[in-house]
Amino acid sequence: MDYIPKNDSFFDLVYDLVKQIPYGRVTSYGAIAACLGAKSSARMVGWAMNNSHHASKQIPAHRVVNRNGQLTGKAHFGHPDLMQSLLENEGLIIENDTIIDFKKHFWDPACLADQ
């Protein structure tokens, strides 16, 4: 994609994309990986999200969930309820660690031109 700088590390590319997720919306590890041309690297996107808590700039990692809308990364937020609280503060409803109406809140980074 044209908006991705050529010499950044994969983690930096992930962070740049995650910063574009709109307030009140979420995306998945796999959607980010696919957007970056590395469709089979969803797990690496997860590692980037885990590492993002140490980044110099704030990354809205709470907006990245698994393909089913489950908060699989919540253990990496320091407090087990923090990821859910951040999403609920943005208007999402979470039940049993899963976003209700996930498809309604899903943001597809492959469709940036449409957003």
PDB file of N, CA and C in Angstrom:
ATOM      1  N   MET A   1       0.837  -1.181   0.000  1.00  0.00           N
ATOM      2  CA  MET A   1       0.000   0.000   0.000  1.00  0.00           C
ATOM      3  C   MET A   1       0.882   1.245   0.000  1.00  0.00           C
ATOM      4  N   ASP A   2       0.423   2.292  -0.617  1.00  0.00           N
ATOM      5  CA  ASP A   2       1.231   3.486  -0.821  1.00  0.00           C
ATOM      6  C   ASP A   2       1.547   4.247   0.453  1.00  0.00           C
ATOM      7  N   TYR A   3       0.685   4.172   1.469  1.00  0.00           N
ATOM      8  CA  TYR A   3       0.882   4.978   2.666  1.00  0.00           C
ATOM      9  C   TYR A   3       1.928   4.394   3.612  1.00  0.00           C
ATOM     10  N   ILE A   4       2.442   3.196   3.321  1.00  0.00           N
ATOM     11  CA  ILE A   4       3.394   2.546   4.222  1.00  0.00           C
ATOM     12  C   ILE A   4       4.821   2.966   3.863  1.00  0.00           C
ATOM     13  N   PRO A   5       5.560   3.546   4.811  1.00  0.00           N
ATOM     14  CA  PRO A   5       6.949   3.918   4.552  1.00  0.00           C
ATOM     15  C   PRO A   5       7.785   2.684   4.218  1.00  0.00           C
ATOM     16  N   LYS A   6       8.756   2.829   3.361  1.00  0.00           N
ATOM     17  CA  LYS A   6       9.523   1.700   2.845  1.00  0.00           C
ATOM     18  C   LYS A   6      10.509   1.090   3.840  1.00  0.00           C
ATOM     19  N   ASN A   7      11.121   1.835   4.738  1.00  0.00           N
ATOM     20  CA  ASN A   7      12.217   1.318   5.547  1.00  0.00           C
ATOM     21  C   ASN A   7      11.871   1.060   7.007  1.00  0.00           C
ATOM     22  N   ASP A   8      10.608   1.043   7.359  1.00  0.00           N
ATOM     23  CA  ASP A   8      10.236   0.799   8.748  1.00  0.00           C
ATOM     24  C   ASP A   8      10.261  -0.693   9.074  1.00  0.00           C
ATOM     25  N   SER A   9      10.439  -0.989  10.352  1.00  0.00           N
ATOM     26  CA  SER A   9      10.348  -2.375  10.796  1.00  0.00           C
ATOM     27  C   SER A   9       8.892  -2.807  10.743  1.00  0.00           C
ATOM     28  N   PHE A  10       8.650  -4.113  10.769  1.00  0.00           N
ATOM     29  CA  PHE A  10       7.280  -4.626  10.740  1.00  0.00           C
ATOM     30  C   PHE A  10       6.472  -4.081  11.905  1.00  0.00           C
ATOM     31  N   PHE A  11       7.051  -4.056  13.104  1.00  0.00           N
ATOM     32  CA  PHE A  11       6.336  -3.530  14.270  1.00  0.00           C
ATOM     33  C   PHE A  11       5.933  -2.076  14.047  1.00  0.00           C
ATOM     34  N   ASP A  12       6.831  -1.271  13.493  1.00  0.00           N
ATOM     35  CA  ASP A  12       6.514   0.136  13.229  1.00  0.00           C
ATOM     36  C   ASP A  12       5.375   0.271  12.222  1.00  0.00           C
ATOM     37  N   LEU A  13       5.370  -0.593  11.213  1.00  0.00           N
ATOM     38  CA  LEU A  13       4.283  -0.573  10.230  1.00  0.00           C
ATOM     39  C   LEU A  13       2.956  -0.916  10.898  1.00  0.00           C
ATOM     40  N   VAL A  14       3.004  -1.911  11.789  1.00  0.00           N
ATOM     41  CA  VAL A  14       1.801  -2.290  12.534  1.00  0.00           C
ATOM     42  C   VAL A  14       1.321  -1.105  13.364  1.00  0.00           C
ATOM     43  N   TYR A  15       2.243  -0.468  14.086  1.00  0.00           N
ATOM     44  CA  TYR A  15       1.861   0.661  14.943  1.00  0.00           C
ATOM     45  C   TYR A  15       1.256   1.802  14.126  1.00  0.00           C
ATOM     46  N   ASP A  16       1.845   2.100  12.970  1.00  0.00           N
ATOM     47  CA  ASP A  16       1.316   3.169  12.122  1.00  0.00           C
ATOM     48  C   ASP A  16      -0.117   2.860  11.694  1.00  0.00           C
ATOM     49  N   LEU A  17      -0.379   1.614  11.394  1.00  0.00           N
ATOM     50  CA  LEU A  17      -1.718   1.217  10.976  1.00  0.00           C
ATOM     51  C   LEU A  17      -2.703   1.238  12.142  1.00  0.00           C
ATOM     52  N   VAL A  18      -2.279   0.731  13.294  1.00  0.00           N
ATOM     53  CA  VAL A  18      -3.153   0.682  14.472  1.00  0.00           C
ATOM     54  C   VAL A  18      -3.546   2.094  14.905  1.00  0.00           C
ATOM     55  N   LYS A  19      -2.657   3.051  14.754  1.00  0.00           N
ATOM     56  CA  LYS A  19      -2.973   4.436  15.117  1.00  0.00           C
ATOM     57  C   LYS A  19      -4.083   5.020  14.243  1.00  0.00           C
ATOM     58  N   GLN A  20      -4.378   4.383  13.123  1.00  0.00           N
ATOM     59  CA  GLN A  20      -5.419   4.868  12.220  1.00  0.00           C
ATOM     60  C   GLN A  20      -6.797   4.268  12.518  1.00  0.00           C
ATOM     61  N   ILE A  21      -6.863   3.288  13.427  1.00  0.00           N
ATOM     62  CA  ILE A  21      -8.159   2.687  13.754  1.00  0.00           C
ATOM     63  C   ILE A  21      -9.023   3.763  14.410  1.00  0.00           C
ATOM     64  N   PRO A  22     -10.186   4.026  13.863  1.00  0.00           N
ATOM     65  CA  PRO A  22     -11.038   5.077  14.428  1.00  0.00           C
ATOM     66  C   PRO A  22     -11.538   4.744  15.834  1.00  0.00           C
ATOM     67  N   TYR A  23     -11.768   5.766  16.605  1.00  0.00           N
ATOM     68  CA  TYR A  23     -12.360   5.655  17.938  1.00  0.00           C
ATOM     69  C   TYR A  23     -13.674   4.880  17.822  1.00  0.00           C
ATOM     70  N   GLY A  24     -13.864   3.905  18.715  1.00  0.00           N
ATOM     71  CA  GLY A  24     -15.095   3.124  18.718  1.00  0.00           C
ATOM     72  C   GLY A  24     -15.127   1.991  17.708  1.00  0.00           C
ATOM     73  N   ARG A  25     -14.013   1.752  17.044  1.00  0.00           N
ATOM     74  CA  ARG A  25     -13.925   0.681  16.054  1.00  0.00           C
ATOM     75  C   ARG A  25     -12.792  -0.256  16.464  1.00  0.00           C
ATOM     76  N   VAL A  26     -12.796  -1.457  15.933  1.00  0.00           N
ATOM     77  CA  VAL A  26     -11.750  -2.449  16.203  1.00  0.00           C
ATOM     78  C   VAL A  26     -11.377  -3.150  14.911  1.00  0.00           C
ATOM     79  N   THR A  27     -10.231  -3.768  14.912  1.00  0.00           N
ATOM     80  CA  THR A  27      -9.807  -4.608  13.796  1.00  0.00           C
ATOM     81  C   THR A  27      -9.156  -5.854  14.373  1.00  0.00           C
ATOM     82  N   SER A  28      -8.718  -6.727  13.492  1.00  0.00           N
ATOM     83  CA  SER A  28      -8.136  -7.988  13.950  1.00  0.00           C
ATOM     84  C   SER A  28      -6.653  -8.066  13.594  1.00  0.00           C
ATOM     85  N   TYR A  29      -5.976  -8.960  14.283  1.00  0.00           N
ATOM     86  CA  TYR A  29      -4.558  -9.203  14.001  1.00  0.00           C
ATOM     87  C   TYR A  29      -4.382  -9.601  12.531  1.00  0.00           C
ATOM     88  N   GLY A  30      -5.252 -10.490  12.067  1.00  0.00           N
ATOM     89  CA  GLY A  30      -5.161 -10.973  10.692  1.00  0.00           C
ATOM     90  C   GLY A  30      -5.425  -9.907   9.657  1.00  0.00           C
ATOM     91  N   ALA A  31      -6.372  -9.008   9.924  1.00  0.00           N
ATOM     92  CA  ALA A  31      -6.668  -7.923   8.983  1.00  0.00           C
ATOM     93  C   ALA A  31      -5.470  -6.989   8.852  1.00  0.00           C
ATOM     94  N   ILE A  32      -4.794  -6.738   9.957  1.00  0.00           N
ATOM     95  CA  ILE A  32      -3.593  -5.895   9.908  1.00  0.00           C
ATOM     96  C   ILE A  32      -2.508  -6.591   9.107  1.00  0.00           C
ATOM     97  N   ALA A  33      -2.289  -7.874   9.396  1.00  0.00           N
ATOM     98  CA  ALA A  33      -1.263  -8.630   8.676  1.00  0.00           C
ATOM     99  C   ALA A  33      -1.553  -8.641   7.175  1.00  0.00           C
ATOM    100  N   ALA A  34      -2.796  -8.882   6.808  1.00  0.00           N
ATOM    101  CA  ALA A  34      -3.166  -8.917   5.390  1.00  0.00           C
ATOM    102  C   ALA A  34      -2.944  -7.561   4.728  1.00  0.00           C
ATOM    103  N   CYS A  35      -3.285  -6.502   5.412  1.00  0.00           N
ATOM    104  CA  CYS A  35      -3.104  -5.156   4.882  1.00  0.00           C
ATOM    105  C   CYS A  35      -1.625  -4.862   4.607  1.00  0.00           C
ATOM    106  N   LEU A  36      -0.780  -5.399   5.464  1.00  0.00           N
ATOM    107  CA  LEU A  36       0.656  -5.162   5.322  1.00  0.00           C
ATOM    108  C   LEU A  36       1.324  -6.144   4.362  1.00  0.00           C
ATOM    109  N   GLY A  37       0.514  -6.974   3.705  1.00  0.00           N
ATOM    110  CA  GLY A  37       1.058  -7.913   2.729  1.00  0.00           C
ATOM    111  C   GLY A  37       1.696  -9.132   3.348  1.00  0.00           C
ATOM    112  N   ALA A  38       1.359  -9.414   4.594  1.00  0.00           N
ATOM    113  CA  ALA A  38       1.940 -10.554   5.316  1.00  0.00           C
ATOM    114  C   ALA A  38       0.805 -11.361   5.952  1.00  0.00           C
ATOM    115  N   LYS A  39      -0.092 -11.846   5.111  1.00  0.00           N
ATOM    116  CA  LYS A  39      -1.340 -12.467   5.562  1.00  0.00           C
ATOM    117  C   LYS A  39      -1.144 -13.544   6.627  1.00  0.00           C
ATOM    118  N   SER A  40      -0.061 -14.271   6.571  1.00  0.00           N
ATOM    119  CA  SER A  40       0.171 -15.350   7.536  1.00  0.00           C
ATOM    120  C   SER A  40       0.908 -14.878   8.793  1.00  0.00           C
ATOM    121  N   SER A  41       0.979 -13.584   9.003  1.00  0.00           N
ATOM    122  CA  SER A  41       1.741 -13.043  10.130  1.00  0.00           C
ATOM    123  C   SER A  41       0.868 -12.441  11.231  1.00  0.00           C
ATOM    124  N   ALA A  42      -0.348 -12.949  11.396  1.00  0.00           N
ATOM    125  CA  ALA A  42      -1.233 -12.427  12.440  1.00  0.00           C
ATOM    126  C   ALA A  42      -0.597 -12.568  13.822  1.00  0.00           C
ATOM    127  N   ARG A  43       0.098 -13.667  14.044  1.00  0.00           N
ATOM    128  CA  ARG A  43       0.750 -13.867  15.347  1.00  0.00           C
ATOM    129  C   ARG A  43       1.818 -12.801  15.587  1.00  0.00           C
ATOM    130  N   MET A  44       2.537 -12.430  14.540  1.00  0.00           N
ATOM    131  CA  MET A  44       3.561 -11.389  14.682  1.00  0.00           C
ATOM    132  C   MET A  44       2.915 -10.041  14.996  1.00  0.00           C
ATOM    133  N   VAL A  45       1.724  -9.789  14.443  1.00  0.00           N
ATOM    134  CA  VAL A  45       0.984  -8.575  14.789  1.00  0.00           C
ATOM    135  C   VAL A  45       0.651  -8.604  16.275  1.00  0.00           C
ATOM    136  N   GLY A  46       0.271  -9.771  16.781  1.00  0.00           N
ATOM    137  CA  GLY A  46       0.013  -9.925  18.217  1.00  0.00           C
ATOM    138  C   GLY A  46       1.241  -9.607  19.038  1.00  0.00           C
ATOM    139  N   TRP A  47       2.392 -10.058  18.597  1.00  0.00           N
ATOM    140  CA  TRP A  47       3.639  -9.742  19.313  1.00  0.00           C
ATOM    141  C   TRP A  47       3.892  -8.232  19.300  1.00  0.00           C
ATOM    142  N   ALA A  48       3.615  -7.613  18.163  1.00  0.00           N
ATOM    143  CA  ALA A  48       3.772  -6.156  18.084  1.00  0.00           C
ATOM    144  C   ALA A  48       2.848  -5.461  19.083  1.00  0.00           C
ATOM    145  N   MET A  49       1.604  -5.947  19.184  1.00  0.00           N
ATOM    146  CA  MET A  49       0.664  -5.349  20.137  1.00  0.00           C
ATOM    147  C   MET A  49       1.158  -5.544  21.568  1.00  0.00           C
ATOM    148  N   ASN A  50       1.674  -6.719  21.879  1.00  0.00           N
ATOM    149  CA  ASN A  50       2.223  -6.954  23.220  1.00  0.00           C
ATOM    150  C   ASN A  50       3.376  -6.000  23.511  1.00  0.00           C
ATOM    151  N   ASN A  51       4.186  -5.744  22.512  1.00  0.00           N
ATOM    152  CA  ASN A  51       5.344  -4.867  22.661  1.00  0.00           C
ATOM    153  C   ASN A  51       4.957  -3.389  22.648  1.00  0.00           C
ATOM    154  N   SER A  52       3.772  -3.073  22.143  1.00  0.00           N
ATOM    155  CA  SER A  52       3.378  -1.670  21.966  1.00  0.00           C
ATOM    156  C   SER A  52       3.268  -0.912  23.281  1.00  0.00           C
ATOM    157  N   HIS A  53       3.094  -1.631  24.367  1.00  0.00           N
ATOM    158  CA  HIS A  53       2.990  -0.976  25.675  1.00  0.00           C
ATOM    159  C   HIS A  53       4.308  -0.317  26.077  1.00  0.00           C
ATOM    160  N   HIS A  54       5.391  -0.663  25.357  1.00  0.00           N
ATOM    161  CA  HIS A  54       6.705  -0.085  25.628  1.00  0.00           C
ATOM    162  C   HIS A  54       7.107   0.946  24.573  1.00  0.00           C
ATOM    163  N   ALA A  55       6.223   1.214  23.628  1.00  0.00           N
ATOM    164  CA  ALA A  55       6.527   2.161  22.547  1.00  0.00           C
ATOM    165  C   ALA A  55       6.586   3.586  23.096  1.00  0.00           C
ATOM    166  N   SER A  56       7.358   4.428  22.420  1.00  0.00           N
ATOM    167  CA  SER A  56       7.507   5.807  22.879  1.00  0.00           C
ATOM    168  C   SER A  56       6.229   6.615  22.675  1.00  0.00           C
ATOM    169  N   LYS A  57       5.439   6.273  21.669  1.00  0.00           N
ATOM    170  CA  LYS A  57       4.161   6.949  21.436  1.00  0.00           C
ATOM    171  C   LYS A  57       3.025   5.991  21.770  1.00  0.00           C
ATOM    172  N   GLN A  58       1.910   6.537  22.190  1.00  0.00           N
ATOM    173  CA  GLN A  58       0.778   5.715  22.589  1.00  0.00           C
ATOM    174  C   GLN A  58       0.148   5.024  21.376  1.00  0.00           C
ATOM    175  N   ILE A  59      -0.024   3.718  21.494  1.00  0.00           N
ATOM    176  CA  ILE A  59      -0.629   2.899  20.450  1.00  0.00           C
ATOM    177  C   ILE A  59      -1.960   2.377  20.998  1.00  0.00           C
ATOM    178  N   PRO A  60      -3.080   2.561  20.300  1.00  0.00           N
ATOM    179  CA  PRO A  60      -4.369   2.073  20.802  1.00  0.00           C
ATOM    180  C   PRO A  60      -4.529   0.558  20.593  1.00  0.00           C
ATOM    181  N   ALA A  61      -3.666  -0.206  21.237  1.00  0.00           N
ATOM    182  CA  ALA A  61      -3.634  -1.661  21.076  1.00  0.00           C
ATOM    183  C   ALA A  61      -4.935  -2.325  21.513  1.00  0.00           C
ATOM    184  N   HIS A  62      -5.698  -1.659  22.364  1.00  0.00           N
ATOM    185  CA  HIS A  62      -6.968  -2.232  22.822  1.00  0.00           C
ATOM    186  C   HIS A  62      -7.959  -2.398  21.674  1.00  0.00           C
ATOM    187  N   ARG A  63      -7.722  -1.740  20.556  1.00  0.00           N
ATOM    188  CA  ARG A  63      -8.622  -1.816  19.403  1.00  0.00           C
ATOM    189  C   ARG A  63      -8.290  -2.977  18.469  1.00  0.00           C
ATOM    190  N   VAL A  64      -7.337  -3.817  18.860  1.00  0.00           N
ATOM    191  CA  VAL A  64      -6.968  -4.973  18.039  1.00  0.00           C
ATOM    192  C   VAL A  64      -7.346  -6.243  18.802  1.00  0.00           C
ATOM    193  N   VAL A  65      -8.195  -7.052  18.173  1.00  0.00           N
ATOM    194  CA  VAL A  65      -8.734  -8.262  18.792  1.00  0.00           C
ATOM    195  C   VAL A  65      -8.578  -9.421  17.813  1.00  0.00           C
ATOM    196  N   ASN A  66      -9.013 -10.613  18.220  1.00  0.00           N
ATOM    197  CA  ASN A  66      -8.895 -11.727  17.288  1.00  0.00           C
ATOM    198  C   ASN A  66     -10.028 -11.697  16.265  1.00  0.00           C
ATOM    199  N   ARG A  67      -9.989 -12.592  15.316  1.00  0.00           N
ATOM    200  CA  ARG A  67     -10.937 -12.567  14.184  1.00  0.00           C
ATOM    201  C   ARG A  67     -12.378 -12.790  14.584  1.00  0.00           C
ATOM    202  N   ASN A  68     -12.609 -13.251  15.814  1.00  0.00           N
ATOM    203  CA  ASN A  68     -13.961 -13.468  16.313  1.00  0.00           C
ATOM    204  C   ASN A  68     -14.423 -12.359  17.260  1.00  0.00           C
ATOM    205  N   GLY A  69     -13.598 -11.321  17.406  1.00  0.00           N
ATOM    206  CA  GLY A  69     -13.954 -10.224  18.301  1.00  0.00           C
ATOM    207  C   GLY A  69     -13.655 -10.504  19.754  1.00  0.00           C
ATOM    208  N   GLN A  70     -12.809 -11.485  20.018  1.00  0.00           N
ATOM    209  CA  GLN A  70     -12.464 -11.831  21.392  1.00  0.00           C
ATOM    210  C   GLN A  70     -11.230 -11.054  21.849  1.00  0.00           C
ATOM    211  N   LEU A  71     -11.236 -10.684  23.123  1.00  0.00           N
ATOM    212  CA  LEU A  71     -10.147  -9.891  23.701  1.00  0.00           C
ATOM    213  C   LEU A  71      -9.001 -10.804  24.119  1.00  0.00           C
ATOM    214  N   THR A  72      -8.382 -11.450  23.155  1.00  0.00           N
ATOM    215  CA  THR A  72      -7.334 -12.426  23.461  1.00  0.00           C
ATOM    216  C   THR A  72      -6.059 -11.778  23.995  1.00  0.00           C
ATOM    217  N   GLY A  73      -5.866 -10.488  23.770  1.00  0.00           N
ATOM    218  CA  GLY A  73      -4.659  -9.815  24.240  1.00  0.00           C
ATOM    219  C   GLY A  73      -4.809  -9.135  25.578  1.00  0.00           C
ATOM    220  N   LYS A  74      -5.922  -9.335  26.257  1.00  0.00           N
ATOM    221  CA  LYS A  74      -6.210  -8.575  27.479  1.00  0.00           C
ATOM    222  C   LYS A  74      -5.202  -8.810  28.603  1.00  0.00           C
ATOM    223  N   ALA A  75      -4.544  -9.934  28.614  1.00  0.00           N
ATOM    224  CA  ALA A  75      -3.576 -10.226  29.676  1.00  0.00           C
ATOM    225  C   ALA A  75      -2.340  -9.333  29.601  1.00  0.00           C
ATOM    226  N   HIS A  76      -2.160  -8.654  28.486  1.00  0.00           N
ATOM    227  CA  HIS A  76      -0.961  -7.829  28.289  1.00  0.00           C
ATOM    228  C   HIS A  76      -1.197  -6.357  28.598  1.00  0.00           C
ATOM    229  N   PHE A  77      -2.299  -6.039  29.255  1.00  0.00           N
ATOM    230  CA  PHE A  77      -2.629  -4.656  29.566  1.00  0.00           C
ATOM    231  C   PHE A  77      -2.368  -4.282  31.019  1.00  0.00           C
ATOM    232  N   GLY A  78      -1.684  -5.126  31.765  1.00  0.00           N
ATOM    233  CA  GLY A  78      -1.335  -4.796  33.144  1.00  0.00           C
ATOM    234  C   GLY A  78      -2.423  -5.121  34.144  1.00  0.00           C
ATOM    235  N   HIS A  79      -3.663  -4.953  33.751  1.00  0.00           N
ATOM    236  CA  HIS A  79      -4.807  -5.294  34.602  1.00  0.00           C
ATOM    237  C   HIS A  79      -5.780  -6.074  33.718  1.00  0.00           C
ATOM    238  N   PRO A  80      -6.324  -7.175  34.211  1.00  0.00           N
ATOM    239  CA  PRO A  80      -7.158  -8.026  33.365  1.00  0.00           C
ATOM    240  C   PRO A  80      -8.413  -7.366  32.787  1.00  0.00           C
ATOM    241  N   ASP A  81      -8.869  -6.261  33.376  1.00  0.00           N
ATOM    242  CA  ASP A  81     -10.084  -5.597  32.889  1.00  0.00           C
ATOM    243  C   ASP A  81      -9.810  -4.324  32.092  1.00  0.00           C
ATOM    244  N   LEU A  82      -8.549  -3.941  31.946  1.00  0.00           N
ATOM    245  CA  LEU A  82      -8.230  -2.663  31.310  1.00  0.00           C
ATOM    246  C   LEU A  82      -8.628  -2.618  29.836  1.00  0.00           C
ATOM    247  N   MET A  83      -8.320  -3.657  29.070  1.00  0.00           N
ATOM    248  CA  MET A  83      -8.665  -3.664  27.648  1.00  0.00           C
ATOM    249  C   MET A  83     -10.181  -3.522  27.470  1.00  0.00           C
ATOM    250  N   GLN A  84     -10.928  -4.278  28.243  1.00  0.00           N
ATOM    251  CA  GLN A  84     -12.390  -4.204  28.164  1.00  0.00           C
ATOM    252  C   GLN A  84     -12.882  -2.814  28.546  1.00  0.00           C
ATOM    253  N   SER A  85     -12.329  -2.251  29.598  1.00  0.00           N
ATOM    254  CA  SER A  85     -12.745  -0.907  30.033  1.00  0.00           C
ATOM    255  C   SER A  85     -12.475   0.137  28.963  1.00  0.00           C
ATOM    256  N   LEU A  86     -11.323   0.061  28.330  1.00  0.00           N
ATOM    257  CA  LEU A  86     -10.986   1.016  27.273  1.00  0.00           C
ATOM    258  C   LEU A  86     -11.973   0.920  26.113  1.00  0.00           C
ATOM    259  N   LEU A  87     -12.322  -0.293  25.726  1.00  0.00           N
ATOM    260  CA  LEU A  87     -13.281  -0.478  24.637  1.00  0.00           C
ATOM    261  C   LEU A  87     -14.678  -0.023  25.047  1.00  0.00           C
ATOM    262  N   GLU A  88     -15.073  -0.330  26.267  1.00  0.00           N
ATOM    263  CA  GLU A  88     -16.389   0.101  26.742  1.00  0.00           C
ATOM    264  C   GLU A  88     -16.469   1.621  26.822  1.00  0.00           C
ATOM    265  N   ASN A  89     -15.357   2.273  27.172  1.00  0.00           N
ATOM    266  CA  ASN A  89     -15.326   3.736  27.192  1.00  0.00           C
ATOM    267  C   ASN A  89     -15.535   4.323  25.798  1.00  0.00           C
ATOM    268  N   GLU A  90     -15.283   3.523  24.764  1.00  0.00           N
ATOM    269  CA  GLU A  90     -15.489   3.961  23.385  1.00  0.00           C
ATOM    270  C   GLU A  90     -16.856   3.528  22.853  1.00  0.00           C
ATOM    271  N   GLY A  91     -17.685   2.959  23.729  1.00  0.00           N
ATOM    272  CA  GLY A  91     -19.051   2.627  23.357  1.00  0.00           C
ATOM    273  C   GLY A  91     -19.302   1.182  22.963  1.00  0.00           C
ATOM    274  N   LEU A  92     -18.292   0.331  22.984  1.00  0.00           N
ATOM    275  CA  LEU A  92     -18.496  -1.062  22.635  1.00  0.00           C
ATOM    276  C   LEU A  92     -19.047  -1.829  23.838  1.00  0.00           C
ATOM    277  N   ILE A  93     -19.787  -2.877  23.558  1.00  0.00           N
ATOM    278  CA  ILE A  93     -20.320  -3.740  24.611  1.00  0.00           C
ATOM    279  C   ILE A  93     -19.568  -5.058  24.550  1.00  0.00           C
ATOM    280  N   ILE A  94     -19.071  -5.491  25.704  1.00  0.00           N
ATOM    281  CA  ILE A  94     -18.281  -6.713  25.804  1.00  0.00           C
ATOM    282  C   ILE A  94     -18.993  -7.682  26.738  1.00  0.00           C
ATOM    283  N   GLU A  95     -19.142  -8.909  26.298  1.00  0.00           N
ATOM    284  CA  GLU A  95     -19.681  -9.964  27.151  1.00  0.00           C
ATOM    285  C   GLU A  95     -18.801 -11.192  26.993  1.00  0.00           C
ATOM    286  N   ASN A  96     -18.390 -11.769  28.117  1.00  0.00           N
ATOM    287  CA  ASN A  96     -17.534 -12.956  28.102  1.00  0.00           C
ATOM    288  C   ASN A  96     -16.304 -12.760  27.224  1.00  0.00           C
ATOM    289  N   ASP A  97     -15.663 -11.602  27.379  1.00  0.00           N
ATOM    290  CA  ASP A  97     -14.446 -11.255  26.631  1.00  0.00           C
ATOM    291  C   ASP A  97     -14.648 -11.202  25.114  1.00  0.00           C
ATOM    292  N   THR A  98     -15.871 -10.966  24.671  1.00  0.00           N
ATOM    293  CA  THR A  98     -16.171 -10.911  23.241  1.00  0.00           C
ATOM    294  C   THR A  98     -16.982  -9.651  22.943  1.00  0.00           C
ATOM    295  N   ILE A  99     -16.627  -8.969  21.860  1.00  0.00           N
ATOM    296  CA  ILE A  99     -17.327  -7.753  21.453  1.00  0.00           C
ATOM    297  C   ILE A  99     -18.683  -8.131  20.862  1.00  0.00           C
ATOM    298  N   ILE A 100     -19.729  -7.537  21.402  1.00  0.00           N
ATOM    299  CA  ILE A 100     -21.075  -7.723  20.866  1.00  0.00           C
ATOM    300  C   ILE A 100     -21.188  -6.902  19.580  1.00  0.00           C
ATOM    301  N   ASP A 101     -21.813  -7.464  18.561  1.00  0.00           N
ATOM    302  CA  ASP A 101     -21.925  -6.827  17.242  1.00  0.00           C
ATOM    303  C   ASP A 101     -20.547  -6.509  16.658  1.00  0.00           C
ATOM    304  N   PHE A 102     -19.647  -7.476  16.765  1.00  0.00           N
ATOM    305  CA  PHE A 102     -18.274  -7.298  16.287  1.00  0.00           C
ATOM    306  C   PHE A 102     -18.234  -6.799  14.841  1.00  0.00           C
ATOM    307  N   LYS A 103     -19.023  -7.383  13.967  1.00  0.00           N
ATOM    308  CA  LYS A 103     -18.988  -6.984  12.550  1.00  0.00           C
ATOM    309  C   LYS A 103     -19.379  -5.516  12.371  1.00  0.00           C
ATOM    310  N   LYS A 104     -20.269  -5.039  13.190  1.00  0.00           N
ATOM    311  CA  LYS A 104     -20.693  -3.631  13.127  1.00  0.00           C
ATOM    312  C   LYS A 104     -19.543  -2.686  13.490  1.00  0.00           C
ATOM    313  N   HIS A 105     -18.682  -3.107  14.398  1.00  0.00           N
ATOM    314  CA  HIS A 105     -17.585  -2.269  14.891  1.00  0.00           C
ATOM    315  C   HIS A 105     -16.262  -2.536  14.175  1.00  0.00           C
ATOM    316  N   PHE A 106     -16.248  -3.537  13.302  1.00  0.00           N
ATOM    317  CA  PHE A 106     -15.004  -3.939  12.638  1.00  0.00           C
ATOM    318  C   PHE A 106     -14.568  -2.887  11.625  1.00  0.00           C
ATOM    319  N   TRP A 107     -13.304  -2.541  11.669  1.00  0.00           N
ATOM    320  CA  TRP A 107     -12.676  -1.619  10.722  1.00  0.00           C
ATOM    321  C   TRP A 107     -11.674  -2.408   9.900  1.00  0.00           C
ATOM    322  N   ASP A 108     -11.841  -2.412   8.604  1.00  0.00           N
ATOM    323  CA  ASP A 108     -10.956  -3.166   7.715  1.00  0.00           C
ATOM    324  C   ASP A 108      -9.888  -2.240   7.160  1.00  0.00           C
ATOM    325  N   PRO A 109      -8.639  -2.413   7.567  1.00  0.00           N
ATOM    326  CA  PRO A 109      -7.583  -1.515   7.090  1.00  0.00           C
ATOM    327  C   PRO A 109      -7.318  -1.659   5.593  1.00  0.00           C
ATOM    328  N   ALA A 110      -7.781  -2.735   4.975  1.00  0.00           N
ATOM    329  CA  ALA A 110      -7.605  -2.900   3.534  1.00  0.00           C
ATOM    330  C   ALA A 110      -8.511  -1.952   2.766  1.00  0.00           C
ATOM    331  N   CYS A 111      -9.471  -1.376   3.456  1.00  0.00           N
ATOM    332  CA  CYS A 111     -10.427  -0.476   2.797  1.00  0.00           C
ATOM    333  C   CYS A 111     -10.178   0.974   3.212  1.00  0.00           C
ATOM    334  N   LEU A 112      -8.946   1.364   3.421  1.00  0.00           N
ATOM    335  CA  LEU A 112      -8.635   2.718   3.877  1.00  0.00           C
ATOM    336  C   LEU A 112      -9.207   3.779   2.953  1.00  0.00           C
ATOM    337  N   ALA A 113      -9.265   3.525   1.679  1.00  0.00           N
ATOM    338  CA  ALA A 113      -9.798   4.509   0.739  1.00  0.00           C
ATOM    339  C   ALA A 113     -11.288   4.744   0.967  1.00  0.00           C
ATOM    340  N   ASP A 114     -11.966   3.754   1.541  1.00  0.00           N
ATOM    341  CA  ASP A 114     -13.403   3.860   1.770  1.00  0.00           C
ATOM    342  C   ASP A 114     -13.741   4.467   3.126  1.00  0.00           C
ATOM    343  N   GLN A 115     -12.786   4.636   3.995  1.00  0.00           N
ATOM    344  CA  GLN A 115     -13.052   5.056   5.377  1.00  0.00           C
ATOM    345  C   GLN A 115     -13.157   6.564   5.465  1.00  0.00           C
TER     346      GLN A 115
END
